[in-house]
Amino acid sequence: MRVISGSAKGRRLKSVPGDTTRPILDRVKEALFNILSEETVGTRWLDLFAGTGQVGIEALSRGASEVVFVDLAIAAVKTITENLNHCRLEEGAQVIRSDSFAVLEQMRDGKWRGDKFDYIYVAPPQYLGLWLKAFKLIDENPDLFLNEFGEIIVQIDPKELRDAEEEGFAPTNLAMIGERRYGRTLIQFYTRASDENG
């Protein structure tokens, strides 16, 4: 597990002890940022269920201006902080030990003191329905969470999407604008339905 490109290129990242996180594979992470290309520069990210922090760290390494990392587990927060220090990317990073849903609810209820985001990355532990709960909170009113033309990036197992669709999953205010599958990893990109429709 390493930083693929940018100012911290090649630096190795620590994993969170135990098996509670699901780090994104380097090849999938590289593909993700190849899709985003230069659009990462100067952007603000919210990395929910951040785990090792490697997606947000990759964004910072590639020129993102700010990343807010959120994870409830003490071990994950410690790992993110150590990885940021190792990559010398502390500037522009904010690490919050909190439930990711609590942060989204603060934003929804107008209690969030920070700015809105260009990218919100959602990659929680698998098969618990957590991604869908987070997605639905944002889908209620994307304007509360996203800057103009902001995007939600969801990383799930394809089975999680199939299960959600069988239960009637149908976004109201967000529209999917892209999808990539890499083995058992599915990455989807969403933006406001009004933006997608022009």
N, C-alpha and C. Protein backbone atom coordinates (compact mmCIF):
# COMPACT_ATOMS: atom_id res chain seq x y z
N MET A 1 0.85 -1.18 0.00
CA MET A 1 0.00 0.00 0.00
C MET A 1 0.89 1.23 0.00
N ARG A 2 0.75 2.05 -1.04
CA ARG A 2 1.68 3.18 -1.19
C ARG A 2 0.97 4.35 -1.86
N VAL A 3 1.61 5.51 -1.81
CA VAL A 3 1.13 6.68 -2.54
C VAL A 3 1.58 6.52 -3.99
N ILE A 4 0.64 6.66 -4.92
CA ILE A 4 0.92 6.36 -6.32
C ILE A 4 1.66 7.51 -7.02
N SER A 5 1.24 8.75 -6.75
CA SER A 5 1.79 9.87 -7.49
C SER A 5 1.76 11.14 -6.65
N GLY A 6 2.46 12.16 -7.14
CA GLY A 6 2.44 13.46 -6.47
C GLY A 6 3.61 13.66 -5.53
N SER A 7 3.46 14.59 -4.61
CA SER A 7 4.56 14.99 -3.74
C SER A 7 5.04 13.88 -2.82
N ALA A 8 4.17 12.94 -2.50
CA ALA A 8 4.54 11.82 -1.60
C ALA A 8 4.67 10.51 -2.36
N LYS A 9 4.88 10.58 -3.66
CA LYS A 9 4.94 9.38 -4.50
C LYS A 9 5.92 8.34 -3.93
N GLY A 10 5.44 7.10 -3.87
CA GLY A 10 6.27 5.98 -3.46
C GLY A 10 6.30 5.72 -1.97
N ARG A 11 5.77 6.61 -1.16
CA ARG A 11 5.82 6.40 0.29
C ARG A 11 4.85 5.29 0.69
N ARG A 12 5.34 4.40 1.53
CA ARG A 12 4.53 3.29 2.01
C ARG A 12 3.59 3.75 3.11
N LEU A 13 2.41 3.18 3.15
CA LEU A 13 1.41 3.55 4.14
C LEU A 13 1.14 2.38 5.08
N LYS A 14 0.91 2.72 6.34
CA LYS A 14 0.57 1.70 7.32
C LYS A 14 -0.88 1.28 7.18
N SER A 15 -1.15 0.03 7.54
CA SER A 15 -2.52 -0.47 7.59
C SER A 15 -3.07 -0.33 9.00
N VAL A 16 -4.38 -0.27 9.11
CA VAL A 16 -5.02 -0.28 10.42
C VAL A 16 -4.95 -1.70 10.97
N PRO A 17 -4.48 -1.89 12.20
CA PRO A 17 -4.43 -3.24 12.77
C PRO A 17 -5.80 -3.91 12.78
N GLY A 18 -5.82 -5.22 12.58
CA GLY A 18 -7.07 -5.95 12.58
C GLY A 18 -7.69 -6.05 11.20
N ASP A 19 -8.95 -6.46 11.14
CA ASP A 19 -9.60 -6.68 9.84
C ASP A 19 -10.90 -5.88 9.70
N THR A 20 -10.96 -4.74 10.39
CA THR A 20 -12.19 -3.95 10.35
C THR A 20 -12.25 -2.98 9.17
N THR A 21 -11.14 -2.77 8.49
CA THR A 21 -11.13 -1.86 7.33
C THR A 21 -10.93 -2.66 6.05
N ARG A 22 -11.25 -2.02 4.92
CA ARG A 22 -11.03 -2.66 3.62
C ARG A 22 -10.27 -1.69 2.73
N PRO A 23 -8.94 -1.69 2.84
CA PRO A 23 -8.15 -0.74 2.04
C PRO A 23 -8.38 -0.96 0.55
N ILE A 24 -8.44 0.12 -0.18
CA ILE A 24 -8.57 0.05 -1.63
C ILE A 24 -7.25 -0.46 -2.21
N LEU A 25 -7.31 -1.34 -3.19
CA LEU A 25 -6.10 -1.85 -3.83
C LEU A 25 -5.40 -0.73 -4.58
N ASP A 26 -4.07 -0.79 -4.61
CA ASP A 26 -3.31 0.26 -5.28
C ASP A 26 -3.72 0.42 -6.74
N ARG A 27 -3.98 -0.69 -7.42
CA ARG A 27 -4.33 -0.60 -8.85
C ARG A 27 -5.69 0.07 -9.03
N VAL A 28 -6.60 -0.13 -8.08
CA VAL A 28 -7.91 0.51 -8.15
C VAL A 28 -7.78 2.00 -7.82
N LYS A 29 -6.97 2.29 -6.83
CA LYS A 29 -6.74 3.69 -6.46
C LYS A 29 -6.09 4.45 -7.61
N GLU A 30 -5.14 3.82 -8.26
CA GLU A 30 -4.48 4.46 -9.40
C GLU A 30 -5.49 4.71 -10.52
N ALA A 31 -6.35 3.74 -10.77
CA ALA A 31 -7.37 3.90 -11.81
C ALA A 31 -8.33 5.03 -11.45
N LEU A 32 -8.71 5.11 -10.18
CA LEU A 32 -9.61 6.17 -9.73
C LEU A 32 -9.02 7.55 -10.01
N PHE A 33 -7.77 7.74 -9.63
CA PHE A 33 -7.17 9.06 -9.79
C PHE A 33 -6.78 9.34 -11.24
N ASN A 34 -6.62 8.30 -12.03
CA ASN A 34 -6.44 8.52 -13.47
C ASN A 34 -7.73 9.07 -14.09
N ILE A 35 -8.86 8.61 -13.58
CA ILE A 35 -10.15 9.12 -14.05
C ILE A 35 -10.31 10.60 -13.67
N LEU A 36 -9.95 10.92 -12.42
CA LEU A 36 -10.09 12.30 -11.96
C LEU A 36 -9.06 13.21 -12.61
N SER A 37 -7.89 12.66 -12.91
CA SER A 37 -6.82 13.38 -13.59
C SER A 37 -6.47 14.65 -12.85
N GLU A 38 -6.35 15.75 -13.56
CA GLU A 38 -5.93 17.02 -12.96
C GLU A 38 -7.04 17.68 -12.15
N GLU A 39 -8.23 17.11 -12.16
CA GLU A 39 -9.35 17.71 -11.44
C GLU A 39 -9.16 17.67 -9.92
N THR A 40 -8.17 16.91 -9.46
CA THR A 40 -7.91 16.81 -8.02
C THR A 40 -7.29 18.10 -7.47
N VAL A 41 -6.53 18.81 -8.26
CA VAL A 41 -5.77 19.97 -7.80
C VAL A 41 -6.71 21.05 -7.27
N GLY A 42 -6.43 21.50 -6.03
CA GLY A 42 -7.18 22.59 -5.43
C GLY A 42 -8.54 22.22 -4.87
N THR A 43 -8.87 20.93 -4.81
CA THR A 43 -10.20 20.51 -4.37
C THR A 43 -10.24 20.21 -2.87
N ARG A 44 -11.46 20.22 -2.33
CA ARG A 44 -11.71 19.86 -0.93
C ARG A 44 -12.40 18.50 -0.90
N TRP A 45 -11.91 17.61 -0.03
CA TRP A 45 -12.42 16.24 0.07
C TRP A 45 -12.94 15.95 1.47
N LEU A 46 -13.97 15.12 1.52
CA LEU A 46 -14.43 14.51 2.76
C LEU A 46 -14.25 13.01 2.60
N ASP A 47 -13.35 12.43 3.38
CA ASP A 47 -13.04 11.00 3.31
C ASP A 47 -13.73 10.33 4.49
N LEU A 48 -14.93 9.78 4.24
CA LEU A 48 -15.71 9.13 5.28
C LEU A 48 -15.24 7.69 5.50
N PHE A 49 -15.42 7.19 6.73
CA PHE A 49 -14.97 5.83 7.05
C PHE A 49 -13.53 5.68 6.55
N ALA A 50 -12.66 6.59 6.92
CA ALA A 50 -11.40 6.81 6.21
C ALA A 50 -10.39 5.67 6.35
N GLY A 51 -10.49 4.87 7.42
CA GLY A 51 -9.59 3.72 7.55
C GLY A 51 -8.13 4.12 7.63
N THR A 52 -7.35 3.74 6.64
CA THR A 52 -5.93 4.09 6.59
C THR A 52 -5.71 5.54 6.13
N GLY A 53 -6.74 6.11 5.51
CA GLY A 53 -6.64 7.46 4.98
C GLY A 53 -6.00 7.53 3.61
N GLN A 54 -5.81 6.38 2.98
CA GLN A 54 -4.98 6.39 1.77
C GLN A 54 -5.60 7.12 0.58
N VAL A 55 -6.93 7.15 0.47
CA VAL A 55 -7.54 7.87 -0.65
C VAL A 55 -7.36 9.38 -0.46
N GLY A 56 -7.65 9.87 0.75
CA GLY A 56 -7.45 11.29 1.02
C GLY A 56 -5.99 11.70 0.93
N ILE A 57 -5.09 10.82 1.36
CA ILE A 57 -3.66 11.10 1.27
C ILE A 57 -3.22 11.18 -0.18
N GLU A 58 -3.74 10.28 -1.00
CA GLU A 58 -3.43 10.34 -2.44
C GLU A 58 -3.92 11.66 -3.03
N ALA A 59 -5.10 12.10 -2.61
CA ALA A 59 -5.63 13.37 -3.10
C ALA A 59 -4.73 14.53 -2.70
N LEU A 60 -4.29 14.55 -1.44
CA LEU A 60 -3.39 15.62 -0.98
C LEU A 60 -2.07 15.59 -1.75
N SER A 61 -1.53 14.39 -1.95
CA SER A 61 -0.27 14.24 -2.66
C SER A 61 -0.38 14.79 -4.08
N ARG A 62 -1.58 14.69 -4.65
CA ARG A 62 -1.81 15.14 -6.03
C ARG A 62 -2.31 16.57 -6.13
N GLY A 63 -2.32 17.27 -5.00
CA GLY A 63 -2.62 18.69 -5.07
C GLY A 63 -3.94 19.15 -4.52
N ALA A 64 -4.71 18.27 -3.87
CA ALA A 64 -5.93 18.72 -3.21
C ALA A 64 -5.57 19.74 -2.13
N SER A 65 -6.42 20.72 -1.94
CA SER A 65 -6.12 21.77 -0.97
C SER A 65 -6.45 21.37 0.46
N GLU A 66 -7.47 20.51 0.62
CA GLU A 66 -7.87 20.11 1.97
C GLU A 66 -8.59 18.77 1.92
N VAL A 67 -8.31 17.93 2.92
CA VAL A 67 -9.04 16.68 3.09
C VAL A 67 -9.44 16.55 4.55
N VAL A 68 -10.71 16.29 4.79
CA VAL A 68 -11.21 15.99 6.12
C VAL A 68 -11.40 14.48 6.22
N PHE A 69 -10.64 13.86 7.11
CA PHE A 69 -10.70 12.41 7.31
C PHE A 69 -11.60 12.13 8.52
N VAL A 70 -12.54 11.22 8.37
CA VAL A 70 -13.45 10.89 9.46
C VAL A 70 -13.45 9.39 9.70
N ASP A 71 -13.19 9.00 10.93
CA ASP A 71 -13.32 7.59 11.31
C ASP A 71 -13.57 7.53 12.81
N LEU A 72 -14.37 6.56 13.22
CA LEU A 72 -14.72 6.44 14.63
C LEU A 72 -13.69 5.65 15.42
N ALA A 73 -12.98 4.75 14.75
CA ALA A 73 -12.04 3.86 15.44
C ALA A 73 -10.76 4.59 15.82
N ILE A 74 -10.35 4.43 17.08
CA ILE A 74 -9.12 5.06 17.55
C ILE A 74 -7.93 4.58 16.73
N ALA A 75 -7.89 3.28 16.43
CA ALA A 75 -6.76 2.72 15.67
C ALA A 75 -6.68 3.34 14.29
N ALA A 76 -7.82 3.59 13.67
CA ALA A 76 -7.82 4.20 12.34
C ALA A 76 -7.34 5.64 12.41
N VAL A 77 -7.81 6.40 13.38
CA VAL A 77 -7.38 7.80 13.53
C VAL A 77 -5.88 7.87 13.76
N LYS A 78 -5.36 6.97 14.58
CA LYS A 78 -3.91 6.93 14.84
C LYS A 78 -3.15 6.60 13.56
N THR A 79 -3.66 5.64 12.79
CA THR A 79 -3.00 5.24 11.54
C THR A 79 -3.02 6.37 10.52
N ILE A 80 -4.15 7.03 10.38
CA ILE A 80 -4.24 8.16 9.44
C ILE A 80 -3.23 9.24 9.81
N THR A 81 -3.17 9.57 11.10
CA THR A 81 -2.24 10.61 11.55
C THR A 81 -0.80 10.21 11.27
N GLU A 82 -0.45 8.97 11.54
CA GLU A 82 0.91 8.50 11.28
C GLU A 82 1.23 8.51 9.79
N ASN A 83 0.26 8.11 8.97
CA ASN A 83 0.48 8.12 7.52
C ASN A 83 0.65 9.54 6.98
N LEU A 84 -0.13 10.46 7.49
CA LEU A 84 0.01 11.86 7.08
C LEU A 84 1.38 12.40 7.46
N ASN A 85 1.80 12.09 8.68
CA ASN A 85 3.12 12.55 9.13
C ASN A 85 4.24 11.96 8.27
N HIS A 86 4.12 10.67 7.98
CA HIS A 86 5.13 9.99 7.18
C HIS A 86 5.23 10.59 5.78
N CYS A 87 4.08 11.00 5.24
CA CYS A 87 4.05 11.57 3.88
C CYS A 87 4.26 13.08 3.89
N ARG A 88 4.38 13.67 5.08
CA ARG A 88 4.55 15.12 5.22
C ARG A 88 3.40 15.87 4.55
N LEU A 89 2.20 15.40 4.84
CA LEU A 89 1.00 15.99 4.26
C LEU A 89 0.03 16.49 5.34
N GLU A 90 0.58 16.84 6.50
CA GLU A 90 -0.28 17.29 7.60
C GLU A 90 -1.02 18.59 7.23
N GLU A 91 -0.33 19.46 6.50
CA GLU A 91 -0.95 20.72 6.11
C GLU A 91 -2.08 20.44 5.13
N GLY A 92 -3.23 20.97 5.41
CA GLY A 92 -4.38 20.72 4.57
C GLY A 92 -5.21 19.53 5.00
N ALA A 93 -4.74 18.81 6.04
CA ALA A 93 -5.46 17.63 6.52
C ALA A 93 -6.11 17.91 7.86
N GLN A 94 -7.33 17.44 8.03
CA GLN A 94 -8.03 17.50 9.30
C GLN A 94 -8.53 16.09 9.61
N VAL A 95 -8.13 15.55 10.75
CA VAL A 95 -8.52 14.19 11.13
C VAL A 95 -9.52 14.29 12.28
N ILE A 96 -10.70 13.74 12.06
CA ILE A 96 -11.77 13.81 13.05
C ILE A 96 -12.14 12.41 13.50
N ARG A 97 -12.08 12.20 14.80
CA ARG A 97 -12.59 10.93 15.34
C ARG A 97 -14.08 11.11 15.63
N SER A 98 -14.88 10.53 14.78
CA SER A 98 -16.33 10.68 14.90
C SER A 98 -17.03 9.64 14.05
N ASP A 99 -18.28 9.41 14.36
CA ASP A 99 -19.13 8.60 13.52
C ASP A 99 -19.39 9.38 12.23
N SER A 100 -19.20 8.75 11.09
CA SER A 100 -19.37 9.43 9.81
C SER A 100 -20.79 9.95 9.61
N PHE A 101 -21.76 9.23 10.12
CA PHE A 101 -23.14 9.67 9.99
C PHE A 101 -23.39 10.93 10.82
N ALA A 102 -22.73 11.03 11.98
CA ALA A 102 -22.88 12.22 12.80
C ALA A 102 -22.36 13.45 12.07
N VAL A 103 -21.25 13.30 11.35
CA VAL A 103 -20.71 14.42 10.58
C VAL A 103 -21.68 14.81 9.47
N LEU A 104 -22.22 13.83 8.75
CA LEU A 104 -23.18 14.13 7.69
C LEU A 104 -24.44 14.80 8.26
N GLU A 105 -24.88 14.35 9.43
CA GLU A 105 -26.07 14.94 10.03
C GLU A 105 -25.81 16.37 10.48
N GLN A 106 -24.59 16.66 10.94
CA GLN A 106 -24.24 18.04 11.28
C GLN A 106 -24.31 18.93 10.05
N MET A 107 -23.81 18.43 8.94
CA MET A 107 -23.87 19.20 7.70
C MET A 107 -25.32 19.41 7.26
N ARG A 108 -26.10 18.36 7.34
CA ARG A 108 -27.51 18.46 6.95
C ARG A 108 -28.27 19.45 7.81
N ASP A 109 -27.94 19.48 9.10
CA ASP A 109 -28.67 20.32 10.05
C ASP A 109 -28.08 21.72 10.20
N GLY A 110 -27.09 22.05 9.37
CA GLY A 110 -26.50 23.38 9.43
C GLY A 110 -25.56 23.61 10.59
N LYS A 111 -25.07 22.55 11.22
CA LYS A 111 -24.20 22.67 12.39
C LYS A 111 -22.73 22.46 12.06
N TRP A 112 -22.44 22.24 10.79
CA TRP A 112 -21.06 22.02 10.35
C TRP A 112 -20.39 23.37 10.15
N ARG A 113 -19.24 23.57 10.75
CA ARG A 113 -18.57 24.87 10.69
C ARG A 113 -17.64 25.02 9.49
N GLY A 114 -17.37 23.92 8.82
CA GLY A 114 -16.47 23.98 7.68
C GLY A 114 -17.20 24.26 6.38
N ASP A 115 -16.43 24.33 5.31
CA ASP A 115 -16.99 24.55 3.98
C ASP A 115 -17.53 23.25 3.40
N LYS A 116 -18.23 23.38 2.29
CA LYS A 116 -18.72 22.20 1.57
C LYS A 116 -17.57 21.59 0.76
N PHE A 117 -17.85 20.48 0.10
CA PHE A 117 -16.79 19.67 -0.51
C PHE A 117 -16.97 19.51 -2.01
N ASP A 118 -15.82 19.32 -2.68
CA ASP A 118 -15.82 19.00 -4.10
C ASP A 118 -15.99 17.49 -4.32
N TYR A 119 -15.43 16.70 -3.40
CA TYR A 119 -15.55 15.24 -3.46
C TYR A 119 -15.85 14.69 -2.08
N ILE A 120 -16.82 13.79 -2.02
CA ILE A 120 -17.09 13.02 -0.80
C ILE A 120 -16.88 11.56 -1.15
N TYR A 121 -15.93 10.93 -0.45
CA TYR A 121 -15.58 9.54 -0.73
C TYR A 121 -16.23 8.65 0.32
N VAL A 122 -17.02 7.68 -0.13
CA VAL A 122 -17.80 6.81 0.75
C VAL A 122 -17.35 5.37 0.53
N ALA A 123 -16.62 4.81 1.50
CA ALA A 123 -16.15 3.43 1.38
C ALA A 123 -16.14 2.77 2.75
N PRO A 124 -17.31 2.48 3.31
CA PRO A 124 -17.40 1.90 4.65
C PRO A 124 -17.17 0.40 4.65
N PRO A 125 -17.11 -0.22 5.83
CA PRO A 125 -17.06 -1.69 5.90
C PRO A 125 -18.19 -2.30 5.09
N GLN A 126 -17.90 -3.42 4.47
CA GLN A 126 -18.83 -4.02 3.52
C GLN A 126 -20.01 -4.73 4.17
N TYR A 127 -21.06 -4.86 3.39
CA TYR A 127 -22.21 -5.73 3.65
C TYR A 127 -23.03 -5.34 4.89
N LEU A 128 -22.91 -4.10 5.32
CA LEU A 128 -23.66 -3.64 6.49
C LEU A 128 -24.68 -2.56 6.12
N GLY A 129 -24.74 -2.21 4.86
CA GLY A 129 -25.66 -1.18 4.43
C GLY A 129 -25.23 0.23 4.77
N LEU A 130 -23.99 0.39 5.22
CA LEU A 130 -23.53 1.71 5.67
C LEU A 130 -23.39 2.69 4.51
N TRP A 131 -22.92 2.19 3.36
CA TRP A 131 -22.76 3.09 2.21
C TRP A 131 -24.10 3.68 1.80
N LEU A 132 -25.15 2.87 1.86
CA LEU A 132 -26.47 3.30 1.43
C LEU A 132 -27.05 4.33 2.40
N LYS A 133 -26.81 4.11 3.69
CA LYS A 133 -27.28 5.07 4.69
C LYS A 133 -26.60 6.43 4.48
N ALA A 134 -25.29 6.43 4.25
CA ALA A 134 -24.56 7.67 4.00
C ALA A 134 -25.04 8.32 2.71
N PHE A 135 -25.21 7.52 1.68
CA PHE A 135 -25.66 8.03 0.38
C PHE A 135 -27.02 8.71 0.51
N LYS A 136 -27.93 8.07 1.22
CA LYS A 136 -29.28 8.61 1.35
C LYS A 136 -29.28 9.95 2.09
N LEU A 137 -28.41 10.09 3.08
CA LEU A 137 -28.31 11.36 3.80
C LEU A 137 -27.90 12.48 2.85
N ILE A 138 -26.94 12.20 1.99
CA ILE A 138 -26.47 13.22 1.04
C ILE A 138 -27.53 13.46 -0.03
N ASP A 139 -28.19 12.41 -0.46
CA ASP A 139 -29.18 12.50 -1.53
C ASP A 139 -30.39 13.33 -1.13
N GLU A 140 -30.66 13.46 0.18
CA GLU A 140 -31.78 14.27 0.63
C GLU A 140 -31.68 15.70 0.11
N ASN A 141 -30.47 16.27 0.18
CA ASN A 141 -30.24 17.64 -0.28
C ASN A 141 -28.76 17.83 -0.55
N PRO A 142 -28.28 17.47 -1.74
CA PRO A 142 -26.85 17.55 -2.05
C PRO A 142 -26.26 18.95 -1.87
N ASP A 143 -27.09 20.00 -2.00
CA ASP A 143 -26.58 21.36 -1.88
C ASP A 143 -25.98 21.65 -0.51
N LEU A 144 -26.38 20.89 0.49
CA LEU A 144 -25.85 21.09 1.84
C LEU A 144 -24.45 20.51 2.01
N PHE A 145 -24.05 19.65 1.11
CA PHE A 145 -22.80 18.91 1.25
C PHE A 145 -21.77 19.26 0.17
N LEU A 146 -22.24 19.54 -1.03
CA LEU A 146 -21.35 19.64 -2.19
C LEU A 146 -21.23 21.07 -2.71
N ASN A 147 -20.01 21.41 -3.13
CA ASN A 147 -19.81 22.63 -3.89
C ASN A 147 -20.42 22.45 -5.28
N GLU A 148 -20.43 23.52 -6.04
CA GLU A 148 -20.93 23.43 -7.41
C GLU A 148 -20.16 22.38 -8.19
N PHE A 149 -20.87 21.50 -8.85
CA PHE A 149 -20.30 20.40 -9.63
C PHE A 149 -19.56 19.38 -8.76
N GLY A 150 -19.82 19.37 -7.46
CA GLY A 150 -19.21 18.38 -6.58
C GLY A 150 -19.71 16.98 -6.87
N GLU A 151 -18.93 15.99 -6.44
CA GLU A 151 -19.26 14.60 -6.73
C GLU A 151 -19.18 13.73 -5.48
N ILE A 152 -20.00 12.69 -5.47
CA ILE A 152 -19.91 11.61 -4.49
C ILE A 152 -19.24 10.44 -5.19
N ILE A 153 -18.22 9.86 -4.54
CA ILE A 153 -17.56 8.67 -5.07
C ILE A 153 -17.84 7.54 -4.08
N VAL A 154 -18.46 6.48 -4.58
CA VAL A 154 -18.84 5.34 -3.74
C VAL A 154 -17.99 4.14 -4.12
N GLN A 155 -17.40 3.49 -3.12
CA GLN A 155 -16.63 2.26 -3.35
C GLN A 155 -17.32 1.12 -2.60
N ILE A 156 -17.85 0.17 -3.35
CA ILE A 156 -18.59 -0.94 -2.75
C ILE A 156 -18.30 -2.24 -3.50
N ASP A 157 -18.76 -3.35 -2.94
CA ASP A 157 -18.79 -4.61 -3.66
C ASP A 157 -20.02 -4.58 -4.57
N PRO A 158 -19.91 -5.07 -5.81
CA PRO A 158 -21.08 -5.06 -6.70
C PRO A 158 -22.33 -5.68 -6.08
N LYS A 159 -22.13 -6.68 -5.22
CA LYS A 159 -23.28 -7.33 -4.57
C LYS A 159 -24.06 -6.33 -3.72
N GLU A 160 -23.36 -5.38 -3.12
CA GLU A 160 -24.04 -4.39 -2.28
C GLU A 160 -24.99 -3.53 -3.11
N LEU A 161 -24.59 -3.21 -4.33
CA LEU A 161 -25.47 -2.44 -5.20
C LEU A 161 -26.65 -3.29 -5.64
N ARG A 162 -26.41 -4.53 -6.01
CA ARG A 162 -27.51 -5.40 -6.44
C ARG A 162 -28.53 -5.55 -5.32
N ASP A 163 -28.05 -5.76 -4.09
CA ASP A 163 -28.95 -5.90 -2.95
C ASP A 163 -29.78 -4.63 -2.76
N ALA A 164 -29.13 -3.47 -2.89
CA ALA A 164 -29.83 -2.20 -2.72
C ALA A 164 -30.88 -2.01 -3.82
N GLU A 165 -30.53 -2.38 -5.05
CA GLU A 165 -31.48 -2.24 -6.16
C GLU A 165 -32.68 -3.15 -5.98
N GLU A 166 -32.44 -4.33 -5.43
CA GLU A 166 -33.55 -5.25 -5.17
C GLU A 166 -34.50 -4.69 -4.12
N GLU A 167 -33.96 -3.83 -3.26
CA GLU A 167 -34.78 -3.20 -2.22
C GLU A 167 -35.36 -1.86 -2.67
N GLY A 168 -35.16 -1.52 -3.96
CA GLY A 168 -35.76 -0.32 -4.50
C GLY A 168 -34.89 0.92 -4.48
N PHE A 169 -33.57 0.74 -4.42
CA PHE A 169 -32.64 1.88 -4.42
C PHE A 169 -32.85 2.74 -5.66
N ALA A 170 -33.15 4.01 -5.44
CA ALA A 170 -33.37 4.94 -6.55
C ALA A 170 -33.06 6.35 -6.06
N PRO A 171 -31.88 6.88 -6.38
CA PRO A 171 -31.53 8.23 -5.94
C PRO A 171 -32.57 9.26 -6.39
N THR A 172 -32.79 10.25 -5.54
CA THR A 172 -33.77 11.30 -5.84
C THR A 172 -33.12 12.53 -6.43
N ASN A 173 -32.05 12.99 -5.80
CA ASN A 173 -31.43 14.26 -6.19
C ASN A 173 -30.01 14.10 -6.71
N LEU A 174 -29.52 12.88 -6.76
CA LEU A 174 -28.20 12.58 -7.30
C LEU A 174 -28.35 11.67 -8.52
N ALA A 175 -27.45 11.84 -9.47
CA ALA A 175 -27.47 11.01 -10.68
C ALA A 175 -26.08 10.42 -10.89
N MET A 176 -26.03 9.14 -11.26
CA MET A 176 -24.76 8.50 -11.53
C MET A 176 -24.21 9.00 -12.86
N ILE A 177 -22.94 9.40 -12.84
CA ILE A 177 -22.31 9.92 -14.07
C ILE A 177 -21.16 9.03 -14.55
N GLY A 178 -20.86 7.99 -13.80
CA GLY A 178 -19.80 7.09 -14.21
C GLY A 178 -19.72 5.89 -13.30
N GLU A 179 -19.15 4.80 -13.84
CA GLU A 179 -19.04 3.57 -13.07
C GLU A 179 -17.88 2.76 -13.61
N ARG A 180 -17.09 2.20 -12.71
CA ARG A 180 -15.99 1.31 -13.08
C ARG A 180 -16.00 0.11 -12.15
N ARG A 181 -15.72 -1.05 -12.73
CA ARG A 181 -15.64 -2.27 -11.91
C ARG A 181 -14.26 -2.87 -12.07
N TYR A 182 -13.66 -3.22 -10.93
CA TYR A 182 -12.35 -3.85 -10.90
C TYR A 182 -12.48 -5.09 -10.01
N GLY A 183 -12.78 -6.24 -10.63
CA GLY A 183 -13.00 -7.45 -9.85
C GLY A 183 -14.20 -7.27 -8.93
N ARG A 184 -13.97 -7.39 -7.64
CA ARG A 184 -15.06 -7.27 -6.67
C ARG A 184 -15.14 -5.86 -6.07
N THR A 185 -14.55 -4.91 -6.75
CA THR A 185 -14.65 -3.51 -6.32
C THR A 185 -15.39 -2.71 -7.39
N LEU A 186 -16.46 -2.06 -6.96
CA LEU A 186 -17.24 -1.21 -7.85
C LEU A 186 -17.09 0.24 -7.37
N ILE A 187 -16.73 1.12 -8.29
CA ILE A 187 -16.64 2.54 -7.98
C ILE A 187 -17.66 3.28 -8.83
N GLN A 188 -18.50 4.07 -8.16
CA GLN A 188 -19.52 4.84 -8.85
C GLN A 188 -19.33 6.33 -8.55
N PHE A 189 -19.65 7.16 -9.53
CA PHE A 189 -19.53 8.61 -9.41
C PHE A 189 -20.93 9.21 -9.56
N TYR A 190 -21.28 10.06 -8.61
CA TYR A 190 -22.58 10.72 -8.63
C TYR A 190 -22.41 12.23 -8.52
N THR A 191 -23.30 12.95 -9.16
CA THR A 191 -23.38 14.40 -8.99
C THR A 191 -24.86 14.78 -8.88
N ARG A 192 -25.12 16.05 -8.63
CA ARG A 192 -26.52 16.49 -8.57
C ARG A 192 -27.21 16.13 -9.89
N ALA A 193 -28.46 15.70 -9.78
CA ALA A 193 -29.23 15.35 -10.98
C ALA A 193 -29.35 16.55 -11.89
N SER A 194 -29.48 17.75 -11.32
CA SER A 194 -29.60 18.96 -12.14
C SER A 194 -28.33 19.25 -12.91
N ASP A 195 -27.15 18.95 -12.31
CA ASP A 195 -25.88 19.14 -13.00
C ASP A 195 -25.73 18.15 -14.14
N GLU A 196 -26.11 16.90 -13.86
CA GLU A 196 -25.97 15.84 -14.86
C GLU A 196 -26.85 16.12 -16.07
N ASN A 197 -27.99 16.75 -15.81
CA ASN A 197 -28.91 17.05 -16.90
C ASN A 197 -28.62 18.37 -17.60
N GLY A 198 -27.55 19.06 -17.16
CA GLY A 198 -27.18 20.31 -17.78
C GLY A 198 -27.94 21.49 -17.23
